[in-house]
Amino acid sequence: FFFFKVNYLIFPGTSGAPWIDFLLCDAAVLPPDGPLANPKHAYSEKLVYLSGSYQVNYYERHLASPPGESEQKLKKPEASLSGATFVFANFNKADKIEPLAFGAWMAILTRVPSSVLWLLRPGKRSDSEAIMANLRREAGARGVSPDRLVFAERVDKATHLRRQKHASLFLDTFFYGAHSTATDALRGGLPVLTVMGDSFARRVGGSLLRAAKRLDSANASGGPALLAPTLVVHSLREFQDLAVRLATGRLQGRPQGVERRRERAGVVIGRIKHELSRDFTQEAGGLFDTASFTRKAEAAYEAVWEVHAKAGGAMHIAMGGSSQGDF
């Protein structure tokens, strides 16, 4: 009998362990011919490329939950957000927030007056008050009022998904990007802006957004593609500039009044949210089609078995439709 072990989800990278045979991935997180060092040489496992995103998602039981008592916790943060012209968000754990990302976020806030950054309150196991005080102090040191950092209370998953709609744009982290946190945002209808980095952990946001193909083309009503710009960028400068353009409505390059730009920014973000909702809730085989992903994963396991039986050992495998795409 042949028993094989698979590296999947627990750690976004190679285990380096000779007893782990395969790693499930996709062509966005580990492009076979792209900007990264050849992953087939850098990874100890044989790579199994899935079509679409490598990440499985299941939200039905959370979305089916009726609003509960924990939704009362939304009232306070909503009040803190109500005066903002634009709400940037990042709900990653605090240990993913490093100086480069935080500095970029503060630069964006500086360029978008009256905007706020909505973060997740650190967990009970950490000194949450000290962490929040440190982040507010660092904001002040970068010329941003500490009051523009708003911390979301920790709530149950269903409530967390519902509150995503109160934010305008999710700003990803850089060295270790949002993974399940990004899918929470997308499933809640919140657009995610991400930078494609140079490692598995830094490229997951791009993998998830591959499913939102309509964001890279003209919208169905015939409007300009500019209304739905790509949310996957490749540099820190692009990240900051696109965030500012989305928040201020400066997308067409011609002078407009402040109120007109704010109105346009609201329209643009609303259109992107609408297209995300259409892509992720109505498109079969997409990011949140758990049954389809299960079939793809099972087909991959069968392919692993068949390849081993015929070749007498492990080999890299590319499942149908697992092309590199635009990344």
C-alpha atoms as a PDB file:
ATOM      1  CA  PHE A   1       0.000   0.000   0.000  1.00  0.00           C
ATOM      2  CA  PHE A   2       1.050   3.583  -0.677  1.00  0.00           C
ATOM      3  CA  PHE A   3       0.286   6.098   2.032  1.00  0.00           C
ATOM      4  CA  PHE A   4       1.012   9.719   1.185  1.00  0.00           C
ATOM      5  CA  LYS A   5       1.043  12.767   3.425  1.00  0.00           C
ATOM      6  CA  VAL A   6      -0.068  16.192   2.237  1.00  0.00           C
ATOM      7  CA  ASN A   7       0.910  19.665   3.455  1.00  0.00           C
ATOM      8  CA  TYR A   8      -2.221  21.795   3.285  1.00  0.00           C
ATOM      9  CA  LEU A   9      -3.494  24.997   4.965  1.00  0.00           C
ATOM     10  CA  ILE A  10      -1.592  24.716   8.266  1.00  0.00           C
ATOM     11  CA  PHE A  11       1.522  26.527   7.045  1.00  0.00           C
ATOM     12  CA  PRO A  12       1.779  28.545   3.782  1.00  0.00           C
ATOM     13  CA  GLY A  13       5.149  27.241   2.692  1.00  0.00           C
ATOM     14  CA  THR A  14       7.317  24.165   2.572  1.00  0.00           C
ATOM     15  CA  SER A  15       7.568  21.942   5.621  1.00  0.00           C
ATOM     16  CA  GLY A  16      11.129  20.939   4.730  1.00  0.00           C
ATOM     17  CA  ALA A  17      10.214  17.505   6.031  1.00  0.00           C
ATOM     18  CA  PRO A  18      11.209  14.486   3.903  1.00  0.00           C
ATOM     19  CA  TRP A  19       8.215  12.526   5.214  1.00  0.00           C
ATOM     20  CA  ILE A  20       5.682  14.999   3.758  1.00  0.00           C
ATOM     21  CA  ASP A  21       5.066  13.953   0.153  1.00  0.00           C
ATOM     22  CA  PHE A  22       2.873  16.630  -1.429  1.00  0.00           C
ATOM     23  CA  LEU A  23       1.728  20.219  -1.027  1.00  0.00           C
ATOM     24  CA  LEU A  24      -1.561  21.534  -2.414  1.00  0.00           C
ATOM     25  CA  CYS A  25      -1.165  24.977  -4.013  1.00  0.00           C
ATOM     26  CA  ASP A  26      -2.190  27.037  -7.010  1.00  0.00           C
ATOM     27  CA  ALA A  27      -0.387  28.992  -9.697  1.00  0.00           C
ATOM     28  CA  ALA A  28      -0.945  32.350  -7.977  1.00  0.00           C
ATOM     29  CA  VAL A  29       0.729  31.475  -4.663  1.00  0.00           C
ATOM     30  CA  LEU A  30       3.500  29.432  -6.317  1.00  0.00           C
ATOM     31  CA  PRO A  31       3.804  30.440  -9.984  1.00  0.00           C
ATOM     32  CA  PRO A  32       5.738  27.667 -11.752  1.00  0.00           C
ATOM     33  CA  ASP A  33       7.327  30.186 -14.130  1.00  0.00           C
ATOM     34  CA  GLY A  34       7.155  33.614 -12.564  1.00  0.00           C
ATOM     35  CA  PRO A  35       8.690  36.075 -10.106  1.00  0.00           C
ATOM     36  CA  LEU A  36       9.582  33.514  -7.426  1.00  0.00           C
ATOM     37  CA  ALA A  37      12.540  31.182  -7.268  1.00  0.00           C
ATOM     38  CA  ASN A  38      11.532  27.905  -8.869  1.00  0.00           C
ATOM     39  CA  PRO A  39       9.266  26.405  -6.178  1.00  0.00           C
ATOM     40  CA  LYS A  40       9.847  22.918  -7.561  1.00  0.00           C
ATOM     41  CA  HIS A  41      13.430  23.223  -6.337  1.00  0.00           C
ATOM     42  CA  ALA A  42      12.800  25.298  -3.198  1.00  0.00           C
ATOM     43  CA  TYR A  43      10.060  23.046  -1.789  1.00  0.00           C
ATOM     44  CA  SER A  44      10.752  19.643  -0.273  1.00  0.00           C
ATOM     45  CA  GLU A  45       7.267  18.443  -1.250  1.00  0.00           C
ATOM     46  CA  LYS A  46       6.047  17.634  -4.739  1.00  0.00           C
ATOM     47  CA  LEU A  47       3.588  20.348  -5.767  1.00  0.00           C
ATOM     48  CA  VAL A  48      -0.022  19.639  -6.707  1.00  0.00           C
ATOM     49  CA  TYR A  49      -1.452  22.631  -8.569  1.00  0.00           C
ATOM     50  CA  LEU A  50      -5.212  23.027  -8.202  1.00  0.00           C
ATOM     51  CA  SER A  51      -7.348  25.093 -10.553  1.00  0.00           C
ATOM     52  CA  GLY A  52      -8.671  28.314  -9.049  1.00  0.00           C
ATOM     53  CA  SER A  53      -7.594  29.100  -5.506  1.00  0.00           C
ATOM     54  CA  TYR A  54      -5.988  26.448  -3.320  1.00  0.00           C
ATOM     55  CA  GLN A  55      -7.994  27.599  -0.291  1.00  0.00           C
ATOM     56  CA  VAL A  56     -11.208  25.828   0.659  1.00  0.00           C
ATOM     57  CA  ASN A  57     -13.999  27.862   2.248  1.00  0.00           C
ATOM     58  CA  TYR A  58     -17.283  27.032   3.931  1.00  0.00           C
ATOM     59  CA  TYR A  59     -19.564  29.767   5.248  1.00  0.00           C
ATOM     60  CA  GLU A  60     -23.099  28.403   4.943  1.00  0.00           C
ATOM     61  CA  ARG A  61     -23.578  27.596   8.628  1.00  0.00           C
ATOM     62  CA  HIS A  62     -22.387  31.068   9.664  1.00  0.00           C
ATOM     63  CA  LEU A  63     -24.505  32.897   7.118  1.00  0.00           C
ATOM     64  CA  ALA A  64     -27.545  30.873   8.138  1.00  0.00           C
ATOM     65  CA  SER A  65     -27.231  31.991  11.772  1.00  0.00           C
ATOM     66  CA  PRO A  66     -29.829  34.600  12.771  1.00  0.00           C
ATOM     67  CA  PRO A  67     -28.602  37.839  14.329  1.00  0.00           C
ATOM     68  CA  GLY A  68     -27.817  37.226  17.998  1.00  0.00           C
ATOM     69  CA  GLU A  69     -26.982  39.152  21.127  1.00  0.00           C
ATOM     70  CA  SER A  70     -23.400  39.691  20.004  1.00  0.00           C
ATOM     71  CA  GLU A  71     -24.664  41.970  17.233  1.00  0.00           C
ATOM     72  CA  GLN A  72     -25.332  44.536  19.948  1.00  0.00           C
ATOM     73  CA  LYS A  73     -21.547  44.893  20.154  1.00  0.00           C
ATOM     74  CA  LEU A  74     -21.603  46.415  16.690  1.00  0.00           C
ATOM     75  CA  LYS A  75     -23.340  49.564  17.877  1.00  0.00           C
ATOM     76  CA  LYS A  76     -20.317  51.144  19.536  1.00  0.00           C
ATOM     77  CA  PRO A  77     -17.826  50.679  16.643  1.00  0.00           C
ATOM     78  CA  GLU A  78     -20.497  51.723  14.142  1.00  0.00           C
ATOM     79  CA  ALA A  79     -20.908  54.977  16.070  1.00  0.00           C
ATOM     80  CA  SER A  80     -17.131  55.490  15.944  1.00  0.00           C
ATOM     81  CA  LEU A  81     -17.176  54.977  12.186  1.00  0.00           C
ATOM     82  CA  SER A  82     -20.203  57.124  11.423  1.00  0.00           C
ATOM     83  CA  GLY A  83     -18.301  60.407  11.040  1.00  0.00           C
ATOM     84  CA  ALA A  84     -15.697  58.998   8.636  1.00  0.00           C
ATOM     85  CA  THR A  85     -15.849  59.752   4.931  1.00  0.00           C
ATOM     86  CA  PHE A  86     -14.131  56.429   4.181  1.00  0.00           C
ATOM     87  CA  VAL A  87     -13.457  53.354   6.339  1.00  0.00           C
ATOM     88  CA  PHE A  88     -10.287  51.395   5.672  1.00  0.00           C
ATOM     89  CA  ALA A  89     -10.056  48.085   7.532  1.00  0.00           C
ATOM     90  CA  ASN A  90      -7.744  45.247   8.463  1.00  0.00           C
ATOM     91  CA  PHE A  91      -8.958  42.502  10.780  1.00  0.00           C
ATOM     92  CA  ASN A  92      -5.752  40.461  10.904  1.00  0.00           C
ATOM     93  CA  LYS A  93      -4.241  39.499  14.227  1.00  0.00           C
ATOM     94  CA  ALA A  94      -1.931  42.170  15.607  1.00  0.00           C
ATOM     95  CA  ASP A  95       1.181  40.045  15.075  1.00  0.00           C
ATOM     96  CA  LYS A  96       0.780  40.476  11.291  1.00  0.00           C
ATOM     97  CA  ILE A  97       0.998  44.257  11.587  1.00  0.00           C
ATOM     98  CA  GLU A  98       4.626  45.251  10.959  1.00  0.00           C
ATOM     99  CA  PRO A  99       6.185  48.697  10.371  1.00  0.00           C
ATOM    100  CA  LEU A 100       6.129  48.610   6.559  1.00  0.00           C
ATOM    101  CA  ALA A 101       2.404  47.860   6.312  1.00  0.00           C
ATOM    102  CA  PHE A 102       1.501  50.164   9.182  1.00  0.00           C
ATOM    103  CA  GLY A 103       3.526  52.974   7.635  1.00  0.00           C
ATOM    104  CA  ALA A 104       1.734  52.498   4.318  1.00  0.00           C
ATOM    105  CA  TRP A 105      -1.644  52.583   6.055  1.00  0.00           C
ATOM    106  CA  MET A 106      -0.737  55.810   7.848  1.00  0.00           C
ATOM    107  CA  ALA A 107       0.455  57.365   4.588  1.00  0.00           C
ATOM    108  CA  ILE A 108      -2.933  56.500   3.069  1.00  0.00           C
ATOM    109  CA  LEU A 109      -4.823  58.010   6.020  1.00  0.00           C
ATOM    110  CA  THR A 110      -2.736  61.167   5.677  1.00  0.00           C
ATOM    111  CA  ARG A 111      -3.750  61.480   2.031  1.00  0.00           C
ATOM    112  CA  VAL A 112      -7.433  60.757   2.753  1.00  0.00           C
ATOM    113  CA  PRO A 113      -8.608  63.258   5.390  1.00  0.00           C
ATOM    114  CA  SER A 114     -11.553  62.211   7.594  1.00  0.00           C
ATOM    115  CA  SER A 115     -10.928  58.529   6.863  1.00  0.00           C
ATOM    116  CA  VAL A 116     -10.361  55.975   9.636  1.00  0.00           C
ATOM    117  CA  LEU A 117      -8.652  52.600   9.978  1.00  0.00           C
ATOM    118  CA  TRP A 118     -10.763  49.838  11.555  1.00  0.00           C
ATOM    119  CA  LEU A 119      -8.653  47.172  13.256  1.00  0.00           C
ATOM    120  CA  LEU A 120      -9.445  44.085  15.323  1.00  0.00           C
ATOM    121  CA  ARG A 121      -9.059  44.375  19.068  1.00  0.00           C
ATOM    122  CA  PRO A 122      -6.233  42.029  20.188  1.00  0.00           C
ATOM    123  CA  GLY A 123      -7.297  38.797  21.854  1.00  0.00           C
ATOM    124  CA  LYS A 124      -7.634  38.082  25.555  1.00  0.00           C
ATOM    125  CA  ARG A 125      -4.360  36.156  25.683  1.00  0.00           C
ATOM    126  CA  SER A 126      -2.396  39.286  24.809  1.00  0.00           C
ATOM    127  CA  ASP A 127      -2.068  42.613  26.592  1.00  0.00           C
ATOM    128  CA  SER A 128      -4.679  44.184  24.359  1.00  0.00           C
ATOM    129  CA  GLU A 129      -4.683  47.610  25.985  1.00  0.00           C
ATOM    130  CA  ALA A 130      -0.898  47.931  25.626  1.00  0.00           C
ATOM    131  CA  ILE A 131      -0.998  46.806  21.985  1.00  0.00           C
ATOM    132  CA  MET A 132      -3.735  49.297  21.100  1.00  0.00           C
ATOM    133  CA  ALA A 133      -1.859  52.057  22.936  1.00  0.00           C
ATOM    134  CA  ASN A 134       1.316  51.207  21.005  1.00  0.00           C
ATOM    135  CA  LEU A 135      -0.471  51.332  17.658  1.00  0.00           C
ATOM    136  CA  ARG A 136      -2.108  54.650  18.511  1.00  0.00           C
ATOM    137  CA  ARG A 137       1.245  56.044  19.629  1.00  0.00           C
ATOM    138  CA  GLU A 138       2.851  54.940  16.359  1.00  0.00           C
ATOM    139  CA  ALA A 139       0.024  56.576  14.418  1.00  0.00           C
ATOM    140  CA  GLY A 140       0.657  59.833  16.240  1.00  0.00           C
ATOM    141  CA  ALA A 141       4.374  59.580  15.521  1.00  0.00           C
ATOM    142  CA  ARG A 142       3.489  59.424  11.809  1.00  0.00           C
ATOM    143  CA  GLY A 143       1.304  62.510  11.978  1.00  0.00           C
ATOM    144  CA  VAL A 144      -2.047  60.686  12.171  1.00  0.00           C
ATOM    145  CA  SER A 145      -4.467  61.383  15.016  1.00  0.00           C
ATOM    146  CA  PRO A 146      -4.657  58.305  17.285  1.00  0.00           C
ATOM    147  CA  ASP A 147      -8.452  58.679  17.311  1.00  0.00           C
ATOM    148  CA  ARG A 148      -8.510  57.622  13.655  1.00  0.00           C
ATOM    149  CA  LEU A 149      -7.664  54.059  14.722  1.00  0.00           C
ATOM    150  CA  VAL A 150     -10.912  52.304  15.679  1.00  0.00           C
ATOM    151  CA  PHE A 151     -10.806  48.846  17.250  1.00  0.00           C
ATOM    152  CA  ALA A 152     -13.539  46.296  16.583  1.00  0.00           C
ATOM    153  CA  GLU A 153     -14.699  44.129  19.451  1.00  0.00           C
ATOM    154  CA  ARG A 154     -14.275  40.383  19.084  1.00  0.00           C
ATOM    155  CA  VAL A 155     -17.585  38.763  18.183  1.00  0.00           C
ATOM    156  CA  ASP A 156     -18.862  35.466  16.809  1.00  0.00           C
ATOM    157  CA  LYS A 157     -18.156  34.588  13.180  1.00  0.00           C
ATOM    158  CA  ALA A 158     -21.672  35.332  11.880  1.00  0.00           C
ATOM    159  CA  THR A 159     -21.625  38.814  13.414  1.00  0.00           C
ATOM    160  CA  HIS A 160     -18.102  39.426  12.128  1.00  0.00           C
ATOM    161  CA  LEU A 161     -19.203  38.583   8.588  1.00  0.00           C
ATOM    162  CA  ARG A 162     -22.183  40.930   8.824  1.00  0.00           C
ATOM    163  CA  ARG A 163     -20.129  43.874  10.039  1.00  0.00           C
ATOM    164  CA  GLN A 164     -17.774  43.756   7.043  1.00  0.00           C
ATOM    165  CA  LYS A 165     -20.296  45.864   5.124  1.00  0.00           C
ATOM    166  CA  HIS A 166     -19.582  48.837   7.399  1.00  0.00           C
ATOM    167  CA  ALA A 167     -16.044  49.126   5.992  1.00  0.00           C
ATOM    168  CA  SER A 168     -15.156  50.435   2.534  1.00  0.00           C
ATOM    169  CA  LEU A 169     -11.822  48.776   1.668  1.00  0.00           C
ATOM    170  CA  PHE A 170      -9.671  46.101   3.333  1.00  0.00           C
ATOM    171  CA  LEU A 171      -5.956  46.953   3.287  1.00  0.00           C
ATOM    172  CA  ASP A 172      -3.820  43.818   3.324  1.00  0.00           C
ATOM    173  CA  THR A 173      -0.616  43.276   5.282  1.00  0.00           C
ATOM    174  CA  PHE A 174       2.639  42.643   3.397  1.00  0.00           C
ATOM    175  CA  PHE A 175       5.013  40.060   4.887  1.00  0.00           C
ATOM    176  CA  TYR A 176       2.235  37.689   5.948  1.00  0.00           C
ATOM    177  CA  GLY A 177      -0.961  38.613   4.172  1.00  0.00           C
ATOM    178  CA  ALA A 178      -4.558  37.967   5.094  1.00  0.00           C
ATOM    179  CA  HIS A 179      -5.693  34.411   4.325  1.00  0.00           C
ATOM    180  CA  SER A 180      -8.904  33.299   6.058  1.00  0.00           C
ATOM    181  CA  THR A 181      -9.274  36.916   7.228  1.00  0.00           C
ATOM    182  CA  ALA A 182      -9.377  37.974   3.572  1.00  0.00           C
ATOM    183  CA  THR A 183     -12.031  35.407   2.730  1.00  0.00           C
ATOM    184  CA  ASP A 184     -14.087  36.655   5.686  1.00  0.00           C
ATOM    185  CA  ALA A 185     -13.893  40.136   4.183  1.00  0.00           C
ATOM    186  CA  LEU A 186     -14.737  39.003   0.663  1.00  0.00           C
ATOM    187  CA  ARG A 187     -17.626  36.810   1.826  1.00  0.00           C
ATOM    188  CA  GLY A 188     -18.942  39.752   3.812  1.00  0.00           C
ATOM    189  CA  GLY A 189     -18.805  41.914   0.691  1.00  0.00           C
ATOM    190  CA  LEU A 190     -15.695  43.927   1.576  1.00  0.00           C
ATOM    191  CA  PRO A 191     -13.149  44.465  -1.237  1.00  0.00           C
ATOM    192  CA  VAL A 192      -9.552  43.491  -0.439  1.00  0.00           C
ATOM    193  CA  LEU A 193      -6.569  45.436  -1.783  1.00  0.00           C
ATOM    194  CA  THR A 194      -3.387  43.349  -1.791  1.00  0.00           C
ATOM    195  CA  VAL A 195       0.214  43.390  -2.991  1.00  0.00           C
ATOM    196  CA  MET A 196       1.551  40.269  -4.694  1.00  0.00           C
ATOM    197  CA  GLY A 197       4.767  39.540  -2.806  1.00  0.00           C
ATOM    198  CA  ASP A 198       7.584  37.057  -3.260  1.00  0.00           C
ATOM    199  CA  SER A 199       6.455  34.135  -1.105  1.00  0.00           C
ATOM    200  CA  PHE A 200       3.447  31.862  -0.607  1.00  0.00           C
ATOM    201  CA  ALA A 201       2.351  33.724   2.548  1.00  0.00           C
ATOM    202  CA  ARG A 202       2.515  37.070   0.715  1.00  0.00           C
ATOM    203  CA  ARG A 203       0.508  35.968  -2.339  1.00  0.00           C
ATOM    204  CA  VAL A 204      -2.649  34.403  -0.909  1.00  0.00           C
ATOM    205  CA  GLY A 205      -4.716  37.582  -1.343  1.00  0.00           C
ATOM    206  CA  GLY A 206      -4.014  37.466  -5.079  1.00  0.00           C
ATOM    207  CA  SER A 207      -5.016  33.818  -5.186  1.00  0.00           C
ATOM    208  CA  LEU A 208      -8.356  34.606  -3.564  1.00  0.00           C
ATOM    209  CA  LEU A 209      -9.054  37.571  -5.819  1.00  0.00           C
ATOM    210  CA  ARG A 210      -8.425  35.529  -8.970  1.00  0.00           C
ATOM    211  CA  ALA A 211     -12.019  34.347  -8.607  1.00  0.00           C
ATOM    212  CA  ALA A 212     -13.289  37.911  -9.019  1.00  0.00           C
ATOM    213  CA  LYS A 213     -12.563  38.018 -12.729  1.00  0.00           C
ATOM    214  CA  ARG A 214     -15.107  40.756 -13.388  1.00  0.00           C
ATOM    215  CA  LEU A 215     -12.998  43.169 -11.360  1.00  0.00           C
ATOM    216  CA  ASP A 216     -10.421  43.168 -14.139  1.00  0.00           C
ATOM    217  CA  SER A 217     -12.776  43.987 -17.002  1.00  0.00           C
ATOM    218  CA  ALA A 218     -15.556  46.319 -18.022  1.00  0.00           C
ATOM    219  CA  ASN A 219     -18.702  45.876 -15.987  1.00  0.00           C
ATOM    220  CA  ALA A 220     -21.722  44.112 -17.396  1.00  0.00           C
ATOM    221  CA  SER A 221     -23.640  47.356 -17.970  1.00  0.00           C
ATOM    222  CA  GLY A 222     -21.021  48.577 -20.415  1.00  0.00           C
ATOM    223  CA  GLY A 223     -19.406  51.110 -18.104  1.00  0.00           C
ATOM    224  CA  PRO A 224     -15.652  51.709 -18.106  1.00  0.00           C
ATOM    225  CA  ALA A 225     -13.318  49.157 -16.545  1.00  0.00           C
ATOM    226  CA  LEU A 226     -12.062  52.044 -14.423  1.00  0.00           C
ATOM    227  CA  LEU A 227     -15.128  51.618 -12.226  1.00  0.00           C
ATOM    228  CA  ALA A 228     -13.872  48.167 -11.247  1.00  0.00           C
ATOM    229  CA  PRO A 229     -10.069  48.350 -11.101  1.00  0.00           C
ATOM    230  CA  THR A 230      -7.963  45.357 -10.265  1.00  0.00           C
ATOM    231  CA  LEU A 231      -7.341  45.027  -6.535  1.00  0.00           C
ATOM    232  CA  VAL A 232      -4.090  43.108  -6.994  1.00  0.00           C
ATOM    233  CA  VAL A 233      -1.026  45.335  -7.287  1.00  0.00           C
ATOM    234  CA  HIS A 234       2.712  44.716  -7.392  1.00  0.00           C
ATOM    235  CA  SER A 235       4.350  47.520  -5.440  1.00  0.00           C
ATOM    236  CA  LEU A 236       3.958  49.571  -2.293  1.00  0.00           C
ATOM    237  CA  ARG A 237       3.465  52.736  -4.339  1.00  0.00           C
ATOM    238  CA  GLU A 238       0.689  51.152  -6.400  1.00  0.00           C
ATOM    239  CA  PHE A 239      -0.940  49.948  -3.187  1.00  0.00           C
ATOM    240  CA  GLN A 240      -1.004  53.414  -1.638  1.00  0.00           C
ATOM    241  CA  ASP A 241      -2.023  55.231  -4.808  1.00  0.00           C
ATOM    242  CA  LEU A 242      -4.886  52.881  -5.648  1.00  0.00           C
ATOM    243  CA  ALA A 243      -6.214  52.998  -2.075  1.00  0.00           C
ATOM    244  CA  VAL A 244      -6.213  56.794  -2.211  1.00  0.00           C
ATOM    245  CA  ARG A 245      -7.846  56.902  -5.656  1.00  0.00           C
ATOM    246  CA  LEU A 246     -10.596  54.532  -4.549  1.00  0.00           C
ATOM    247  CA  ALA A 247     -11.223  56.529  -1.388  1.00  0.00           C
ATOM    248  CA  THR A 248     -11.238  59.972  -2.993  1.00  0.00           C
ATOM    249  CA  GLY A 249     -12.874  59.245  -6.342  1.00  0.00           C
ATOM    250  CA  ARG A 250      -9.823  60.486  -8.283  1.00  0.00           C
ATOM    251  CA  LEU A 251     -10.123  57.770 -10.912  1.00  0.00           C
ATOM    252  CA  GLN A 252     -10.557  59.678 -14.153  1.00  0.00           C
ATOM    253  CA  GLY A 253      -7.720  62.161 -13.858  1.00  0.00           C
ATOM    254  CA  ARG A 254      -9.793  65.306 -14.339  1.00  0.00           C
ATOM    255  CA  PRO A 255     -10.466  68.006 -11.723  1.00  0.00           C
ATOM    256  CA  GLN A 256     -13.663  67.640  -9.720  1.00  0.00           C
ATOM    257  CA  GLY A 257     -15.030  69.223  -6.558  1.00  0.00           C
ATOM    258  CA  VAL A 258     -14.527  67.493  -3.229  1.00  0.00           C
ATOM    259  CA  GLU A 259     -18.184  66.550  -2.838  1.00  0.00           C
ATOM    260  CA  ARG A 260     -18.324  65.187  -6.380  1.00  0.00           C
ATOM    261  CA  ARG A 261     -15.221  63.073  -5.765  1.00  0.00           C
ATOM    262  CA  ARG A 262     -16.664  61.703  -2.520  1.00  0.00           C
ATOM    263  CA  GLU A 263     -19.871  60.829  -4.308  1.00  0.00           C
ATOM    264  CA  ARG A 264     -17.922  59.097  -7.060  1.00  0.00           C
ATOM    265  CA  ALA A 265     -15.813  57.192  -4.511  1.00  0.00           C
ATOM    266  CA  GLY A 266     -19.004  55.874  -2.936  1.00  0.00           C
ATOM    267  CA  VAL A 267     -20.309  54.793  -6.332  1.00  0.00           C
ATOM    268  CA  VAL A 268     -17.049  53.036  -7.246  1.00  0.00           C
ATOM    269  CA  ILE A 269     -16.809  51.101  -3.967  1.00  0.00           C
ATOM    270  CA  GLY A 270     -20.511  50.256  -4.189  1.00  0.00           C
ATOM    271  CA  ARG A 271     -20.021  48.888  -7.698  1.00  0.00           C
ATOM    272  CA  ILE A 272     -17.047  46.779  -6.631  1.00  0.00           C
ATOM    273  CA  LYS A 273     -18.996  45.396  -3.655  1.00  0.00           C
ATOM    274  CA  HIS A 274     -21.899  44.556  -5.956  1.00  0.00           C
ATOM    275  CA  GLU A 275     -19.642  42.735  -8.392  1.00  0.00           C
ATOM    276  CA  LEU A 276     -17.935  40.852  -5.567  1.00  0.00           C
ATOM    277  CA  SER A 277     -21.319  39.736  -4.289  1.00  0.00           C
ATOM    278  CA  ARG A 278     -22.373  38.598  -7.751  1.00  0.00           C
ATOM    279  CA  ASP A 279     -19.116  36.718  -8.354  1.00  0.00           C
ATOM    280  CA  PHE A 280     -18.907  34.983  -5.011  1.00  0.00           C
ATOM    281  CA  THR A 281     -22.542  34.109  -4.427  1.00  0.00           C
ATOM    282  CA  GLN A 282     -23.793  33.269  -7.906  1.00  0.00           C
ATOM    283  CA  GLU A 283     -20.821  31.855  -9.798  1.00  0.00           C
ATOM    284  CA  ALA A 284     -20.532  28.071  -9.750  1.00  0.00           C
ATOM    285  CA  GLY A 285     -17.023  26.815  -9.134  1.00  0.00           C
ATOM    286  CA  GLY A 286     -15.949  30.045  -7.488  1.00  0.00           C
ATOM    287  CA  LEU A 287     -14.145  30.761  -4.251  1.00  0.00           C
ATOM    288  CA  PHE A 288     -17.084  29.830  -2.026  1.00  0.00           C
ATOM    289  CA  ASP A 289     -18.355  26.780  -3.900  1.00  0.00           C
ATOM    290  CA  THR A 290     -17.325  24.182  -1.322  1.00  0.00           C
ATOM    291  CA  ALA A 291     -18.801  21.235  -3.207  1.00  0.00           C
ATOM    292  CA  SER A 292     -16.857  22.128  -6.351  1.00  0.00           C
ATOM    293  CA  PHE A 293     -13.619  22.493  -4.389  1.00  0.00           C
ATOM    294  CA  THR A 294     -14.195  19.119  -2.727  1.00  0.00           C
ATOM    295  CA  ARG A 295     -14.492  17.469  -6.131  1.00  0.00           C
ATOM    296  CA  LYS A 296     -11.282  19.171  -7.314  1.00  0.00           C
ATOM    297  CA  ALA A 297      -9.397  18.090  -4.188  1.00  0.00           C
ATOM    298  CA  GLU A 298     -10.605  14.504  -4.508  1.00  0.00           C
ATOM    299  CA  ALA A 299      -9.569  14.465  -8.167  1.00  0.00           C
ATOM    300  CA  ALA A 300      -6.120  15.687  -7.103  1.00  0.00           C
ATOM    301  CA  TYR A 301      -5.800  12.880  -4.542  1.00  0.00           C
ATOM    302  CA  GLU A 302      -6.763  10.348  -7.200  1.00  0.00           C
ATOM    303  CA  ALA A 303      -4.171  11.838  -9.566  1.00  0.00           C
ATOM    304  CA  VAL A 304      -1.506  11.552  -6.862  1.00  0.00           C
ATOM    305  CA  TRP A 305      -2.357   7.886  -6.443  1.00  0.00           C
ATOM    306  CA  GLU A 306      -2.378   7.181 -10.190  1.00  0.00           C
ATOM    307  CA  VAL A 307       0.923   8.974 -10.798  1.00  0.00           C
ATOM    308  CA  HIS A 308       2.593   7.038  -8.005  1.00  0.00           C
ATOM    309  CA  ALA A 309       1.189   3.755  -9.288  1.00  0.00           C
ATOM    310  CA  LYS A 310       2.462   4.384 -12.820  1.00  0.00           C
ATOM    311  CA  ALA A 311       5.727   6.206 -12.090  1.00  0.00           C
ATOM    312  CA  GLY A 312       6.671   4.441  -8.878  1.00  0.00           C
ATOM    313  CA  GLY A 313       7.142   7.663  -6.922  1.00  0.00           C
ATOM    314  CA  ALA A 314       5.929  11.166  -6.245  1.00  0.00           C
ATOM    315  CA  MET A 315       5.881  13.763  -9.031  1.00  0.00           C
ATOM    316  CA  HIS A 316       4.675  17.325  -9.501  1.00  0.00           C
ATOM    317  CA  ILE A 317       1.085  17.432 -10.754  1.00  0.00           C
ATOM    318  CA  ALA A 318      -0.899  20.186 -12.494  1.00  0.00           C
ATOM    319  CA  MET A 319      -4.632  19.609 -12.439  1.00  0.00           C
ATOM    320  CA  GLY A 320      -6.792  20.789 -15.325  1.00  0.00           C
ATOM    321  CA  GLY A 321      -7.303  24.554 -15.492  1.00  0.00           C
ATOM    322  CA  SER A 322      -4.417  25.348 -13.139  1.00  0.00           C
ATOM    323  CA  SER A 323      -2.750  27.868 -15.462  1.00  0.00           C
ATOM    324  CA  GLN A 324      -0.739  30.722 -14.025  1.00  0.00           C
ATOM    325  CA  GLY A 325      -3.092  33.425 -15.322  1.00  0.00           C
ATOM    326  CA  ASP A 326      -2.044  37.054 -14.911  1.00  0.00           C
ATOM    327  CA  PHE A 327       0.230  36.643 -11.905  1.00  0.00           C
END
